C-alpha atoms as a PDB file:
ATOM      1  CA  MET A   1      86.193  81.548 162.568  1.00  0.00           C
ATOM      2  CA  LYS A   2      83.790  79.365 163.485  1.00  0.00           C
ATOM      3  CA  TRP A   3      81.124  77.484 161.294  1.00  0.00           C
ATOM      4  CA  LEU A   4      77.717  75.568 162.171  1.00  0.00           C
ATOM      5  CA  GLU A   5      77.838  71.911 160.242  1.00  0.00           C
ATOM      6  CA  ILE A   6      74.204  71.330 159.508  1.00  0.00           C
ATOM      7  CA  THR A   7      73.106  67.421 158.208  1.00  0.00           C
ATOM      8  CA  VAL A   8      70.329  66.477 157.535  1.00  0.00           C
ATOM      9  CA  THR A   9      69.388  62.863 157.194  1.00  0.00           C
ATOM     10  CA  THR A  10      66.199  62.611 155.084  1.00  0.00           C
ATOM     11  CA  ALA A  11      64.965  60.195 151.875  1.00  0.00           C
ATOM     12  CA  PRO A  12      66.247  60.390 148.599  1.00  0.00           C
ATOM     13  CA  PRO A  13      62.457  61.980 146.794  1.00  0.00           C
ATOM     14  CA  ALA A  14      63.443  64.968 149.250  1.00  0.00           C
ATOM     15  CA  ALA A  15      67.444  65.782 148.429  1.00  0.00           C
ATOM     16  CA  GLU A  16      66.761  67.880 146.297  1.00  0.00           C
ATOM     17  CA  ALA A  17      64.115  70.058 148.087  1.00  0.00           C
ATOM     18  CA  VAL A  18      67.159  69.847 151.206  1.00  0.00           C
ATOM     19  CA  ALA A  19      69.703  70.908 148.906  1.00  0.00           C
ATOM     20  CA  ASP A  20      66.775  73.483 147.915  1.00  0.00           C
ATOM     21  CA  ILE A  21      66.407  74.424 151.219  1.00  0.00           C
ATOM     22  CA  PHE A  22      70.573  74.614 152.121  1.00  0.00           C
ATOM     23  CA  TRP A  23      70.871  77.217 148.916  1.00  0.00           C
ATOM     24  CA  GLU A  24      68.197  79.639 149.890  1.00  0.00           C
ATOM     25  CA  GLY A  25      69.898  80.275 153.299  1.00  0.00           C
ATOM     26  CA  ARG A  26      72.952  80.367 151.845  1.00  0.00           C
ATOM     27  CA  GLY A  27      74.205  77.240 153.247  1.00  0.00           C
ATOM     28  CA  GLY A  28      78.577  77.666 151.608  1.00  0.00           C
ATOM     29  CA  GLY A  29      78.029  74.090 149.628  1.00  0.00           C
ATOM     30  CA  ILE A  30      76.220  71.720 149.983  1.00  0.00           C
ATOM     31  CA  GLU A  31      77.989  67.686 149.794  1.00  0.00           C
ATOM     32  CA  GLU A  32      75.990  64.638 149.882  1.00  0.00           C
ATOM     33  CA  MET A  33      77.545  61.855 151.906  1.00  0.00           C
ATOM     34  CA  PRO A  34      76.789  57.977 152.180  1.00  0.00           C
ATOM     35  CA  ALA A  35      74.118  57.069 154.187  1.00  0.00           C
ATOM     36  CA  GLU A  36      71.302  53.465 155.755  1.00  0.00           C
ATOM     37  CA  ARG A  37      70.017  52.016 153.022  1.00  0.00           C
ATOM     38  CA  GLY A  38      67.029  54.187 151.610  1.00  0.00           C
ATOM     39  CA  THR A  39      68.064  57.517 153.383  1.00  0.00           C
ATOM     40  CA  VAL A  40      70.875  59.938 151.778  1.00  0.00           C
ATOM     41  CA  ARG A  41      72.657  62.718 154.497  1.00  0.00           C
ATOM     42  CA  LEU A  42      73.071  66.429 152.913  1.00  0.00           C
ATOM     43  CA  ARG A  43      75.454  68.514 154.966  1.00  0.00           C
ATOM     44  CA  GLY A  44      76.283  72.166 154.313  1.00  0.00           C
ATOM     45  CA  TYR A  45      77.672  74.726 156.418  1.00  0.00           C
ATOM     46  CA  LEU A  46      76.654  78.588 157.834  1.00  0.00           C
ATOM     47  CA  PRO A  47      78.834  81.131 159.287  1.00  0.00           C
ATOM     48  CA  ILE A  48      78.287  81.625 162.617  1.00  0.00           C
ATOM     49  CA  GLY A  49      76.624  84.966 163.587  1.00  0.00           C
ATOM     50  CA  PRO A  50      73.922  87.015 164.508  1.00  0.00           C
ATOM     51  CA  THR A  51      71.559  85.148 162.531  1.00  0.00           C
ATOM     52  CA  THR A  52      72.412  81.836 162.627  1.00  0.00           C
ATOM     53  CA  ALA A  53      70.223  80.862 164.965  1.00  0.00           C
ATOM     54  CA  VAL A  54      67.260  82.090 162.289  1.00  0.00           C
ATOM     55  CA  THR A  55      68.563  80.564 160.054  1.00  0.00           C
ATOM     56  CA  LEU A  56      68.649  77.181 161.348  1.00  0.00           C
ATOM     57  CA  ASP A  57      64.908  77.448 162.414  1.00  0.00           C
ATOM     58  CA  ALA A  58      64.285  78.922 159.177  1.00  0.00           C
ATOM     59  CA  ILE A  59      65.932  75.075 157.966  1.00  0.00           C
ATOM     60  CA  ARG A  60      63.733  73.091 160.022  1.00  0.00           C
ATOM     61  CA  THR A  61      60.636  74.625 159.797  1.00  0.00           C
ATOM     62  CA  ARG A  62      60.925  73.989 155.828  1.00  0.00           C
ATOM     63  CA  LEU A  63      62.699  70.751 155.844  1.00  0.00           C
ATOM     64  CA  SER A  64      59.569  69.924 158.116  1.00  0.00           C
ATOM     65  CA  ALA A  65      57.185  71.565 155.318  1.00  0.00           C
ATOM     66  CA  LEU A  66      57.981  69.275 153.198  1.00  0.00           C
ATOM     67  CA  PRO A  67      55.217  66.851 153.654  1.00  0.00           C
ATOM     68  CA  GLY A  68      52.273  69.127 152.754  1.00  0.00           C
ATOM     69  CA  PHE A  69      54.774  68.945 149.394  1.00  0.00           C
ATOM     70  CA  GLY A  70      53.391  64.764 148.893  1.00  0.00           C
ATOM     71  CA  LEU A  71      57.509  64.381 149.469  1.00  0.00           C
ATOM     72  CA  ASP A  72      58.672  61.174 151.603  1.00  0.00           C
ATOM     73  CA  VAL A  73      61.442  62.956 153.854  1.00  0.00           C
ATOM     74  CA  GLY A  74      62.338  59.510 155.824  1.00  0.00           C
ATOM     75  CA  PRO A  75      63.325  60.424 158.925  1.00  0.00           C
ATOM     76  CA  ALA A  76      64.092  64.564 158.518  1.00  0.00           C
ATOM     77  CA  THR A  77      66.802  64.498 161.335  1.00  0.00           C
ATOM     78  CA  VAL A  78      68.821  67.429 161.900  1.00  0.00           C
ATOM     79  CA  GLU A  79      72.141  67.505 163.416  1.00  0.00           C
ATOM     80  CA  THR A  80      74.820  70.454 163.936  1.00  0.00           C
ATOM     81  CA  ALA A  81      77.969  70.747 165.220  1.00  0.00           C
ATOM     82  CA  GLU A  82      80.374  73.278 165.727  1.00  0.00           C
ATOM     83  CA  VAL A  83      83.900  73.696 163.725  1.00  0.00           C
ATOM     84  CA  ASP A  84      86.839  75.697 162.596  1.00  0.00           C
ATOM     85  CA  ASP A  85      87.526  77.546 159.702  1.00  0.00           C
ATOM     86  CA  GLU A  86      88.954  75.267 156.663  1.00  0.00           C
ATOM     87  CA  GLY A  87      90.455  75.905 153.453  1.00  0.00           C
ATOM     88  CA  TRP A  88      87.073  74.610 151.552  1.00  0.00           C
ATOM     89  CA  ALA A  89      85.173  77.906 153.119  1.00  0.00           C
ATOM     90  CA  ASP A  90      87.590  80.165 151.299  1.00  0.00           C
ATOM     91  CA  ALA A  91      86.082  79.912 148.173  1.00  0.00           C
ATOM     92  CA  TRP A  92      82.999  80.801 149.669  1.00  0.00           C
ATOM     93  CA  LYS A  93      84.302  83.643 151.449  1.00  0.00           C
ATOM     94  CA  LYS A  94      85.881  84.951 148.318  1.00  0.00           C
ATOM     95  CA  TYR A  95      82.475  86.228 147.597  1.00  0.00           C
ATOM     96  CA  ILE A  96      81.044  87.801 150.601  1.00  0.00           C
ATOM     97  CA  ARG A  97      83.852  91.206 150.673  1.00  0.00           C
ATOM     98  CA  PRO A  98      83.455  94.270 151.974  1.00  0.00           C
ATOM     99  CA  PHE A  99      82.407  96.895 149.916  1.00  0.00           C
ATOM    100  CA  ALA A 100      80.800 100.995 149.301  1.00  0.00           C
ATOM    101  CA  VAL A 101      78.415 102.424 148.645  1.00  0.00           C
ATOM    102  CA  GLY A 102      79.128 106.165 148.718  1.00  0.00           C
ATOM    103  CA  ARG A 103      79.950 106.673 153.157  1.00  0.00           C
ATOM    104  CA  LEU A 104      78.327 103.426 153.685  1.00  0.00           C
ATOM    105  CA  TRP A 105      80.777 100.080 153.902  1.00  0.00           C
ATOM    106  CA  ILE A 106      78.784  96.787 154.033  1.00  0.00           C
ATOM    107  CA  THR A 107      81.630  94.180 155.768  1.00  0.00           C
ATOM    108  CA  PRO A 108      80.802  90.469 156.400  1.00  0.00           C
ATOM    109  CA  THR A 109      80.925  90.413 160.680  1.00  0.00           C
ATOM    110  CA  TRP A 110      83.718  87.403 159.980  1.00  0.00           C
ATOM    111  CA  ASP A 111      85.809  89.839 158.161  1.00  0.00           C
ATOM    112  CA  ARG A 112      88.035  92.131 159.511  1.00  0.00           C
ATOM    113  CA  THR A 113      89.363  94.654 156.290  1.00  0.00           C
ATOM    114  CA  PRO A 114      89.641  98.184 157.496  1.00  0.00           C
ATOM    115  CA  PRO A 115      87.377 100.361 156.348  1.00  0.00           C
ATOM    116  CA  PRO A 116      87.702 103.916 154.688  1.00  0.00           C
ATOM    117  CA  ARG A 117      88.183 106.998 157.140  1.00  0.00           C
ATOM    118  CA  GLY A 118      84.381 108.130 158.829  1.00  0.00           C
ATOM    119  CA  ALA A 119      82.542 105.486 156.890  1.00  0.00           C
ATOM    120  CA  VAL A 120      79.127 104.025 158.239  1.00  0.00           C
ATOM    121  CA  VAL A 121      79.905 100.727 159.135  1.00  0.00           C
ATOM    122  CA  ILE A 122      77.114  98.056 158.705  1.00  0.00           C
ATOM    123  CA  GLU A 123      77.758  94.490 159.292  1.00  0.00           C
ATOM    124  CA  LEU A 124      75.658  91.438 157.149  1.00  0.00           C
ATOM    125  CA  ASP A 125      75.539  88.211 157.429  1.00  0.00           C
ATOM    126  CA  PRO A 126      74.170  85.745 154.540  1.00  0.00           C
ATOM    127  CA  GLY A 127      70.800  85.094 155.543  1.00  0.00           C
ATOM    128  CA  MET A 128      67.334  83.625 154.527  1.00  0.00           C
ATOM    129  CA  ALA A 129      66.209  87.390 153.392  1.00  0.00           C
ATOM    130  CA  PHE A 130      67.223  89.163 149.959  1.00  0.00           C
ATOM    131  CA  GLY A 131      69.271  92.113 150.547  1.00  0.00           C
ATOM    132  CA  SER A 132      73.191  90.631 150.892  1.00  0.00           C
ATOM    133  CA  GLY A 133      73.756  94.393 149.486  1.00  0.00           C
ATOM    134  CA  LEU A 134      75.057  92.902 146.072  1.00  0.00           C
ATOM    135  CA  HIS A 135      72.542  93.351 144.176  1.00  0.00           C
ATOM    136  CA  PRO A 136      72.014  97.027 142.575  1.00  0.00           C
ATOM    137  CA  SER A 137      69.261  97.485 142.954  1.00  0.00           C
ATOM    138  CA  THR A 138      69.744  97.365 146.791  1.00  0.00           C
ATOM    139  CA  GLN A 139      72.776  99.381 146.207  1.00  0.00           C
ATOM    140  CA  MET A 140      71.054 101.894 144.371  1.00  0.00           C
ATOM    141  CA  CYS A 141      68.524 102.750 147.549  1.00  0.00           C
ATOM    142  CA  LEU A 142      71.482 102.874 149.457  1.00  0.00           C
ATOM    143  CA  GLU A 143      72.606 105.451 147.438  1.00  0.00           C
ATOM    144  CA  VAL A 144      69.571 107.264 147.851  1.00  0.00           C
ATOM    145  CA  LEU A 145      69.909 107.341 151.439  1.00  0.00           C
ATOM    146  CA  ASP A 146      73.523 108.322 151.514  1.00  0.00           C
ATOM    147  CA  GLY A 147      72.270 111.528 149.365  1.00  0.00           C
ATOM    148  CA  ARG A 148      68.697 112.594 150.632  1.00  0.00           C
ATOM    149  CA  LEU A 149      68.630 111.681 154.182  1.00  0.00           C
ATOM    150  CA  ARG A 150      68.673 114.448 156.849  1.00  0.00           C
ATOM    151  CA  PRO A 151      69.346 113.599 160.429  1.00  0.00           C
ATOM    152  CA  GLY A 152      66.632 113.763 161.838  1.00  0.00           C
ATOM    153  CA  ASP A 153      64.488 112.282 159.123  1.00  0.00           C
ATOM    154  CA  ALA A 154      61.606 109.119 159.306  1.00  0.00           C
ATOM    155  CA  VAL A 155      62.059 105.964 157.346  1.00  0.00           C
ATOM    156  CA  LEU A 156      59.984 103.811 156.094  1.00  0.00           C
ATOM    157  CA  ASP A 157      61.150 100.309 154.751  1.00  0.00           C
ATOM    158  CA  VAL A 158      59.387  98.397 152.859  1.00  0.00           C
ATOM    159  CA  GLY A 159      59.988  94.622 151.437  1.00  0.00           C
ATOM    160  CA  THR A 160      63.004  95.055 153.953  1.00  0.00           C
ATOM    161  CA  GLY A 161      64.917  91.408 153.407  1.00  0.00           C
ATOM    162  CA  SER A 162      68.115  91.195 156.013  1.00  0.00           C
ATOM    163  CA  GLY A 163      66.942  94.656 157.298  1.00  0.00           C
ATOM    164  CA  ILE A 164      70.318  95.937 155.243  1.00  0.00           C
ATOM    165  CA  LEU A 165      68.448  99.796 154.453  1.00  0.00           C
ATOM    166  CA  SER A 166      66.397 100.323 157.628  1.00  0.00           C
ATOM    167  CA  ILE A 167      70.127  99.833 159.225  1.00  0.00           C
ATOM    168  CA  ALA A 168      71.489 102.357 156.812  1.00  0.00           C
ATOM    169  CA  ALA A 169      69.103 104.709 157.696  1.00  0.00           C
ATOM    170  CA  ALA A 170      69.320 104.517 161.250  1.00  0.00           C
ATOM    171  CA  LYS A 171      73.052 104.712 160.998  1.00  0.00           C
ATOM    172  CA  LEU A 172      73.171 107.660 158.757  1.00  0.00           C
ATOM    173  CA  GLY A 173      70.970 109.554 161.251  1.00  0.00           C
ATOM    174  CA  ALA A 174      67.228 108.711 160.828  1.00  0.00           C
ATOM    175  CA  SER A 175      65.533 109.606 163.996  1.00  0.00           C
ATOM    176  CA  GLU A 176      62.883 105.965 163.438  1.00  0.00           C
ATOM    177  CA  VAL A 177      62.755 103.639 160.926  1.00  0.00           C
ATOM    178  CA  LEU A 178      59.524 101.701 160.153  1.00  0.00           C
ATOM    179  CA  ALA A 179      60.387  97.958 158.308  1.00  0.00           C
ATOM    180  CA  VAL A 180      57.923  95.551 157.102  1.00  0.00           C
ATOM    181  CA  ASP A 181      58.675  92.521 155.085  1.00  0.00           C
ATOM    182  CA  ILE A 182      55.667  89.890 154.405  1.00  0.00           C
ATOM    183  CA  ASP A 183      57.871  86.839 155.498  1.00  0.00           C
ATOM    184  CA  ALA A 184      58.658  86.292 159.314  1.00  0.00           C
ATOM    185  CA  VAL A 185      61.807  84.807 158.232  1.00  0.00           C
ATOM    186  CA  ALA A 186      63.184  87.814 157.106  1.00  0.00           C
ATOM    187  CA  ALA A 187      61.700  90.301 159.388  1.00  0.00           C
ATOM    188  CA  ALA A 188      63.907  87.876 162.189  1.00  0.00           C
ATOM    189  CA  VAL A 189      66.874  88.234 160.148  1.00  0.00           C
ATOM    190  CA  ALA A 190      66.460  91.975 160.216  1.00  0.00           C
ATOM    191  CA  ARG A 191      65.634  92.107 163.327  1.00  0.00           C
ATOM    192  CA  ALA A 192      69.054  90.126 164.892  1.00  0.00           C
ATOM    193  CA  ASN A 193      70.713  91.933 162.029  1.00  0.00           C
ATOM    194  CA  VAL A 194      69.335  95.381 163.541  1.00  0.00           C
ATOM    195  CA  GLU A 195      70.406  94.020 166.611  1.00  0.00           C
ATOM    196  CA  HIS A 196      73.583  93.299 166.009  1.00  0.00           C
ATOM    197  CA  ASN A 197      74.466  96.606 164.203  1.00  0.00           C
ATOM    198  CA  GLY A 198      72.644  98.207 167.611  1.00  0.00           C
ATOM    199  CA  VAL A 199      70.328 100.820 166.081  1.00  0.00           C
ATOM    200  CA  ALA A 200      67.391  98.568 167.645  1.00  0.00           C
ATOM    201  CA  ALA A 201      66.108 101.835 169.377  1.00  0.00           C
ATOM    202  CA  ARG A 202      65.264 103.300 166.098  1.00  0.00           C
ATOM    203  CA  VAL A 203      64.395 100.677 164.430  1.00  0.00           C
ATOM    204  CA  ARG A 204      61.044  98.923 164.512  1.00  0.00           C
ATOM    205  CA  VAL A 205      60.648  95.235 162.127  1.00  0.00           C
ATOM    206  CA  VAL A 206      57.222  94.158 161.601  1.00  0.00           C
ATOM    207  CA  GLU A 207      55.497  91.625 159.436  1.00  0.00           C
ATOM    208  CA  GLY A 208      52.367  93.378 157.061  1.00  0.00           C
ATOM    209  CA  ASP A 209      51.988  93.430 153.665  1.00  0.00           C
ATOM    210  CA  LEU A 210      53.314  96.489 151.802  1.00  0.00           C
ATOM    211  CA  LEU A 211      52.036  99.804 153.715  1.00  0.00           C
ATOM    212  CA  ALA A 212      48.578  98.302 153.994  1.00  0.00           C
ATOM    213  CA  GLY A 213      47.265  99.429 158.353  1.00  0.00           C
ATOM    214  CA  ILE A 214      50.622 101.120 157.948  1.00  0.00           C
ATOM    215  CA  GLU A 215      49.567 105.025 159.287  1.00  0.00           C
ATOM    216  CA  ASN A 216      53.155 105.986 159.599  1.00  0.00           C
ATOM    217  CA  THR A 217      54.869 109.279 157.175  1.00  0.00           C
ATOM    218  CA  ALA A 218      58.232 108.821 156.231  1.00  0.00           C
ATOM    219  CA  ASN A 219      60.496 111.937 154.903  1.00  0.00           C
ATOM    220  CA  VAL A 220      62.337 108.963 153.175  1.00  0.00           C
ATOM    221  CA  LEU A 221      60.211 105.454 152.105  1.00  0.00           C
ATOM    222  CA  VAL A 222      62.279 103.030 150.374  1.00  0.00           C
ATOM    223  CA  ALA A 223      60.421  99.940 148.361  1.00  0.00           C
ATOM    224  CA  ASN A 224      63.229  97.379 147.212  1.00  0.00           C
ATOM    225  CA  LEU A 225      60.373  95.341 145.605  1.00  0.00           C
ATOM    226  CA  THR A 226      59.526  94.097 141.920  1.00  0.00           C
ATOM    227  CA  ALA A 227      57.307  96.031 139.466  1.00  0.00           C
ATOM    228  CA  ASP A 228      54.230  94.161 139.757  1.00  0.00           C
ATOM    229  CA  LEU A 229      54.083  95.294 144.030  1.00  0.00           C
ATOM    230  CA  HIS A 230      54.921  98.913 142.928  1.00  0.00           C
ATOM    231  CA  LEU A 231      52.070  99.021 140.369  1.00  0.00           C
ATOM    232  CA  THR A 232      49.880  97.836 143.534  1.00  0.00           C
ATOM    233  CA  PHE A 233      51.088 100.427 146.330  1.00  0.00           C
ATOM    234  CA  PHE A 234      51.285 102.859 144.619  1.00  0.00           C
ATOM    235  CA  PRO A 235      47.844 104.384 144.717  1.00  0.00           C
ATOM    236  CA  THR A 236      47.868 104.599 147.997  1.00  0.00           C
ATOM    237  CA  VAL A 237      51.735 105.755 148.773  1.00  0.00           C
ATOM    238  CA  ARG A 238      51.039 109.147 149.180  1.00  0.00           C
ATOM    239  CA  ALA A 239      49.300 109.307 152.385  1.00  0.00           C
ATOM    240  CA  ASN A 240      52.667 107.507 154.268  1.00  0.00           C
ATOM    241  CA  LEU A 241      54.771 110.672 152.376  1.00  0.00           C
ATOM    242  CA  ALA A 242      55.462 113.864 154.385  1.00  0.00           C
ATOM    243  CA  PRO A 243      55.779 116.509 152.861  1.00  0.00           C
ATOM    244  CA  GLY A 244      58.625 116.890 150.888  1.00  0.00           C
ATOM    245  CA  GLY A 245      59.207 113.280 151.370  1.00  0.00           C
ATOM    246  CA  VAL A 246      60.960 110.940 148.343  1.00  0.00           C
ATOM    247  CA  LEU A 247      60.112 107.423 147.635  1.00  0.00           C
ATOM    248  CA  ALA A 248      62.660 105.216 145.857  1.00  0.00           C
ATOM    249  CA  ALA A 249      61.084 103.139 144.269  1.00  0.00           C
ATOM    250  CA  SER A 250      63.805  99.844 143.047  1.00  0.00           C
ATOM    251  CA  GLY A 251      64.160  96.384 142.223  1.00  0.00           C
ATOM    252  CA  ILE A 252      62.795  97.692 138.614  1.00  0.00           C
ATOM    253  CA  THR A 253      63.951  96.044 134.905  1.00  0.00           C
ATOM    254  CA  ALA A 254      64.693  97.997 132.230  1.00  0.00           C
ATOM    255  CA  HIS A 255      61.421  97.051 129.861  1.00  0.00           C
ATOM    256  CA  ARG A 256      59.368  98.091 132.815  1.00  0.00           C
ATOM    257  CA  GLU A 257      60.544 101.729 134.088  1.00  0.00           C
ATOM    258  CA  GLY A 258      58.223 103.420 131.729  1.00  0.00           C
ATOM    259  CA  GLU A 259      55.342 101.682 132.186  1.00  0.00           C
ATOM    260  CA  VAL A 260      55.601 101.864 136.875  1.00  0.00           C
ATOM    261  CA  GLY A 261      56.761 106.005 135.688  1.00  0.00           C
ATOM    262  CA  ARG A 262      52.913 106.561 133.862  1.00  0.00           C
ATOM    263  CA  ALA A 263      51.337 104.660 137.019  1.00  0.00           C
ATOM    264  CA  ALA A 264      53.532 106.837 139.454  1.00  0.00           C
ATOM    265  CA  ARG A 265      52.472 110.040 137.181  1.00  0.00           C
ATOM    266  CA  ALA A 266      48.101 108.983 137.116  1.00  0.00           C
ATOM    267  CA  VAL A 267      49.172 108.515 141.076  1.00  0.00           C
ATOM    268  CA  GLY A 268      50.362 111.769 141.181  1.00  0.00           C
ATOM    269  CA  LEU A 269      53.624 110.836 141.768  1.00  0.00           C
ATOM    270  CA  ALA A 270      56.505 113.409 140.058  1.00  0.00           C
ATOM    271  CA  ARG A 271      60.091 111.464 139.306  1.00  0.00           C
ATOM    272  CA  VAL A 272      62.891 113.479 140.125  1.00  0.00           C
ATOM    273  CA  GLN A 273      65.322 111.063 139.630  1.00  0.00           C
ATOM    274  CA  THR A 274      66.559 107.851 137.924  1.00  0.00           C
ATOM    275  CA  LEU A 275      69.193 105.960 139.209  1.00  0.00           C
ATOM    276  CA  ARG A 276      70.301 102.847 136.689  1.00  0.00           C
ATOM    277  CA  SER A 277      72.905  99.881 137.116  1.00  0.00           C
ATOM    278  CA  GLY A 278      73.038  97.719 134.135  1.00  0.00           C
ATOM    279  CA  GLU A 279      69.416  96.975 134.133  1.00  0.00           C
ATOM    280  CA  TRP A 280      68.595  97.946 137.424  1.00  0.00           C
ATOM    281  CA  ARG A 281      66.319 101.119 137.995  1.00  0.00           C
ATOM    282  CA  CYS A 282      65.389 102.708 140.745  1.00  0.00           C
ATOM    283  CA  LEU A 283      62.607 105.913 140.709  1.00  0.00           C
ATOM    284  CA  VAL A 284      63.273 108.309 143.371  1.00  0.00           C
ATOM    285  CA  LEU A 285      59.345 109.870 143.011  1.00  0.00           C
ATOM    286  CA  ALA A 286      58.209 112.638 145.529  1.00  0.00           C
ATOM    287  CA  ALA A 287      54.190 114.390 145.792  1.00  0.00           C
ATOM    288  CA  ALA A 288      53.410 116.141 142.270  1.00  0.00           C
ATOM    289  CA  GLY A 289      53.103 120.008 143.206  1.00  0.00           C
END
């Protein structure tokens, strides 16, 4: 496979911030190289795939924003080149391997491991968005979709990140999926992943703050967020649930499970299932009565 080599020349005071931008972009390792006096050169790599262009644009955008934080970025040049796979990449790629969640088979685009017979395949590359599928909170949402979604259901995906849950919903038979994220980069990455997986006809990705202004109703609503964000949108979420619909509220740590459960009950949401993975919890909720 080919990789995109990205080299940024910047001033020393900005080196740490630039390195953080690379790490956020899943840059496959960072190296610092000799440069002209008064500058440093940082180099990282991205796998060339459906989200590469979006991630590169995000790196440039976030680099250009650093002066606003009082950092001297120097020349702040960004150079790119396509390079072939080499041994240095293998150590990084081994951490991103295909895995199964129920019927779902999540694989990076470069891996050619045959999926299990009958598996529903999702191809997903790393990018500047939460949701590789490796985190327990994401996997529990995937379990809920695999177990509860029925062909023809409508789905809402709040805080879509990479779009993995929306793609899974569409491939499991959802008739329509609305994916929402407040972050423009995440929304762009999600759109690229949706397009790559061939489900753009049924998945629409929008920028938005939780469910503000969203009038759609869903048979299954997945929200892989934080406890605090769940507390924020619980009071209005019933309006977005179709009769008999369920909400999968994930991203909750064990010590906040009770608090979130009480908040759900207070607004008329009954717990019908609890998924647990290590310290993480996913509460499956439905309108009481």
